[in-house]
Amino acid sequence: MTATPDLGTPRVASPELLRAVFRRHAAGVSVITAQDEKPVGFTATSLSSVSADPPLISFGVGTASSSWPVIARAEHVGVHILGEHQQELAATFARSGADRFAAPTRWRNGPENVPVIDDVPAWMVCRIVARVPAADHHLVIAQVVAGDSTGTAGPLVYHQGRFNALRD
């Protein structure tokens, strides 16, 4: 017979409970970029693979974010998987009001004129195929059209409210 684990006292669902639970969930860190009159971007831990054929990804973006108006009308986005050496880059793209594309951020115009960040372990340019409203966010689904996965850095992860390197 297996012992039943002590599950603690359940709490009623709330934004605080959701945040507390997801602080326990280690997630990969990515930066999403798009181009308008000037480039925009934000740090995301919600990146997910949706389908291999066709190659589809998804991510969430808050409708109150400064990037949302551009993402809402963009045809393409850049998706960048950050390396363990890019904690400051992740923090810059997460910071409200930051000039995210100023030095020391190194980037170039990539396929479909999407901003592509240099020195990341992997990146993709994706064509947006759907934007699904989800309360104060939108879930964006996009099809990969180009990319590169030849970087060698280990992944950057987000856990317990901090950026961390993955430990073996």
Protein backbone atom coordinates (compact mmCIF):
# COMPACT_ATOMS: atom_id res chain seq x y z
CA MET A 1 0.00 0.00 0.00
CA THR A 2 1.32 3.46 -0.84
CA ALA A 3 1.16 6.26 1.65
CA THR A 4 -0.91 9.26 0.69
CA PRO A 5 1.30 12.35 0.59
CA ASP A 6 0.43 15.26 2.83
CA LEU A 7 -0.93 17.79 0.36
CA GLY A 8 -1.22 20.58 2.87
CA THR A 9 -4.27 22.75 3.23
CA PRO A 10 -5.71 23.68 -0.15
CA ARG A 11 -6.11 27.39 -0.83
CA VAL A 12 -8.89 28.93 -2.86
CA ALA A 13 -7.78 29.85 -6.38
CA SER A 14 -6.43 33.39 -6.65
CA PRO A 15 -3.76 35.35 -8.54
CA GLU A 16 -1.51 34.95 -5.48
CA LEU A 17 -1.92 31.16 -5.50
CA LEU A 18 -1.14 30.98 -9.21
CA ARG A 19 2.00 33.11 -8.75
CA ALA A 20 3.10 31.00 -5.75
CA VAL A 21 2.65 27.74 -7.67
CA PHE A 22 4.47 29.00 -10.75
CA ARG A 23 7.40 30.26 -8.65
CA ARG A 24 7.97 26.53 -8.07
CA HIS A 25 7.89 25.81 -11.82
CA ALA A 26 11.28 26.18 -13.52
CA ALA A 27 10.82 27.64 -16.99
CA GLY A 28 13.10 28.41 -19.88
CA VAL A 29 13.64 32.10 -20.60
CA SER A 30 13.06 33.64 -24.01
CA VAL A 31 12.81 37.09 -25.50
CA ILE A 32 10.11 37.85 -28.06
CA THR A 33 10.76 40.70 -30.52
CA ALA A 34 8.83 42.47 -33.26
CA GLN A 35 9.36 45.47 -35.51
CA ASP A 36 7.20 48.56 -35.85
CA GLU A 37 8.53 52.10 -36.25
CA LYS A 38 11.09 50.91 -33.71
CA PRO A 39 11.79 47.42 -32.37
CA VAL A 40 9.90 46.09 -29.35
CA GLY A 41 10.50 43.07 -27.18
CA PHE A 42 9.81 41.42 -23.86
CA THR A 43 11.02 38.54 -21.71
CA ALA A 44 8.75 35.50 -21.73
CA THR A 45 8.72 32.28 -19.74
CA SER A 46 5.52 31.06 -21.39
CA LEU A 47 7.11 29.83 -24.64
CA SER A 48 5.86 26.42 -25.67
CA SER A 49 6.17 24.07 -28.62
CA VAL A 50 2.73 23.41 -30.09
CA SER A 51 3.34 21.24 -33.17
CA ALA A 52 6.28 19.84 -35.12
CA ASP A 53 4.45 19.58 -38.46
CA PRO A 54 3.79 22.34 -39.18
CA PRO A 55 6.30 23.85 -36.72
CA LEU A 56 4.17 25.95 -34.35
CA ILE A 57 5.02 27.70 -31.08
CA SER A 58 2.98 29.71 -28.60
CA PHE A 59 3.61 32.36 -25.96
CA GLY A 60 1.55 34.64 -23.77
CA VAL A 61 1.69 38.43 -23.75
CA GLY A 62 -0.09 40.82 -21.41
CA THR A 63 -2.43 43.25 -23.11
CA ALA A 64 -1.18 46.02 -20.79
CA SER A 65 2.45 45.50 -21.88
CA SER A 66 4.17 48.14 -24.00
CA SER A 67 4.90 45.45 -26.63
CA TRP A 68 1.30 44.28 -27.06
CA PRO A 69 0.14 46.98 -29.52
CA VAL A 70 2.95 45.98 -31.90
CA ILE A 71 2.47 42.22 -31.38
CA ALA A 72 -1.27 42.73 -31.93
CA ARG A 73 -0.68 43.85 -35.50
CA ALA A 74 2.68 42.25 -36.37
CA GLU A 75 2.87 39.58 -39.05
CA HIS A 76 6.13 38.12 -37.71
CA VAL A 77 7.95 37.85 -34.38
CA GLY A 78 11.41 36.82 -33.29
CA VAL A 79 11.74 34.16 -30.60
CA HIS A 80 15.09 33.95 -28.81
CA ILE A 81 16.12 31.21 -26.39
CA LEU A 82 18.42 32.84 -23.84
CA GLY A 83 21.64 31.34 -22.52
CA GLU A 84 22.86 31.16 -18.95
CA HIS A 85 25.17 34.13 -19.65
CA GLN A 86 22.21 36.39 -20.52
CA GLN A 87 20.64 37.11 -17.15
CA GLU A 88 21.10 40.87 -17.57
CA LEU A 89 19.57 40.74 -21.07
CA ALA A 90 16.56 38.88 -19.64
CA ALA A 91 16.24 41.49 -16.88
CA THR A 92 16.50 44.36 -19.39
CA PHE A 93 13.71 42.96 -21.58
CA ALA A 94 11.58 42.34 -18.46
CA ARG A 95 12.06 45.87 -17.10
CA SER A 96 9.27 48.35 -17.79
CA GLY A 97 10.47 51.53 -19.48
CA ALA A 98 13.92 50.17 -20.38
CA ASP A 99 15.53 50.98 -23.74
CA ARG A 100 15.76 47.29 -24.54
CA PHE A 101 17.58 47.62 -27.86
CA ALA A 102 20.24 50.11 -26.71
CA ALA A 103 23.78 48.99 -25.89
CA PRO A 104 24.81 46.59 -24.55
CA THR A 105 22.05 44.66 -26.41
CA ARG A 106 23.46 43.46 -29.72
CA TRP A 107 20.95 42.76 -32.47
CA ARG A 108 20.36 42.97 -36.21
CA ASN A 109 17.45 42.93 -38.63
CA GLY A 110 16.74 39.31 -39.47
CA PRO A 111 14.34 37.55 -41.82
CA GLU A 112 11.07 39.41 -42.38
CA ASN A 113 12.77 42.51 -40.89
CA VAL A 114 12.35 41.06 -37.39
CA PRO A 115 14.91 42.11 -34.74
CA VAL A 116 17.21 39.14 -34.06
CA ILE A 117 19.32 39.25 -30.89
CA ASP A 118 22.97 38.21 -31.25
CA ASP A 119 24.75 35.52 -29.23
CA VAL A 120 21.68 33.51 -28.19
CA PRO A 121 21.78 29.70 -28.16
CA ALA A 122 18.85 29.56 -30.59
CA TRP A 123 16.39 31.85 -32.36
CA MET A 124 13.42 31.62 -34.71
CA VAL A 125 11.43 34.01 -36.82
CA CYS A 126 7.77 33.05 -36.82
CA ARG A 127 4.65 34.12 -38.72
CA ILE A 128 1.75 34.81 -36.37
CA VAL A 129 -1.23 32.59 -37.22
CA ALA A 130 -3.53 33.28 -34.25
CA ARG A 131 -4.04 35.59 -31.28
CA VAL A 132 -6.36 34.09 -28.69
CA PRO A 133 -7.76 36.40 -25.97
CA ALA A 134 -7.18 35.03 -22.47
CA ALA A 135 -8.30 37.46 -19.74
CA ASP A 136 -5.61 40.17 -19.45
CA HIS A 137 -3.32 38.34 -21.90
CA HIS A 138 -3.35 36.97 -25.41
CA LEU A 139 -1.99 33.58 -26.36
CA VAL A 140 -0.07 34.01 -29.60
CA ILE A 141 0.40 31.03 -31.91
CA ALA A 142 3.02 31.36 -34.63
CA GLN A 143 4.56 29.19 -37.36
CA VAL A 144 8.35 28.98 -37.59
CA VAL A 145 9.70 30.28 -40.92
CA ALA A 146 13.45 30.52 -40.19
CA GLY A 147 15.91 30.10 -37.36
CA ASP A 148 19.22 28.90 -36.01
CA SER A 149 20.01 26.50 -33.17
CA THR A 150 23.81 26.36 -33.33
CA GLY A 151 24.60 28.34 -30.16
CA THR A 152 26.48 26.46 -27.47
CA ALA A 153 25.52 28.15 -24.18
CA GLY A 154 23.53 26.31 -21.55
CA PRO A 155 19.94 27.46 -20.98
CA LEU A 156 18.79 30.29 -18.75
CA VAL A 157 15.92 29.27 -16.47
CA TYR A 158 13.54 31.22 -14.26
CA HIS A 159 12.73 29.73 -10.87
CA GLN A 160 11.66 31.14 -7.48
CA GLY A 161 11.60 34.68 -8.94
CA ARG A 162 15.21 34.58 -10.18
CA PHE A 163 17.13 33.87 -13.37
CA ASN A 164 19.44 30.86 -12.94
CA ALA A 165 21.74 28.58 -14.88
CA LEU A 166 20.66 24.96 -15.18
CA ARG A 167 22.60 22.73 -12.80
CA ASP A 168 23.26 19.04 -13.44
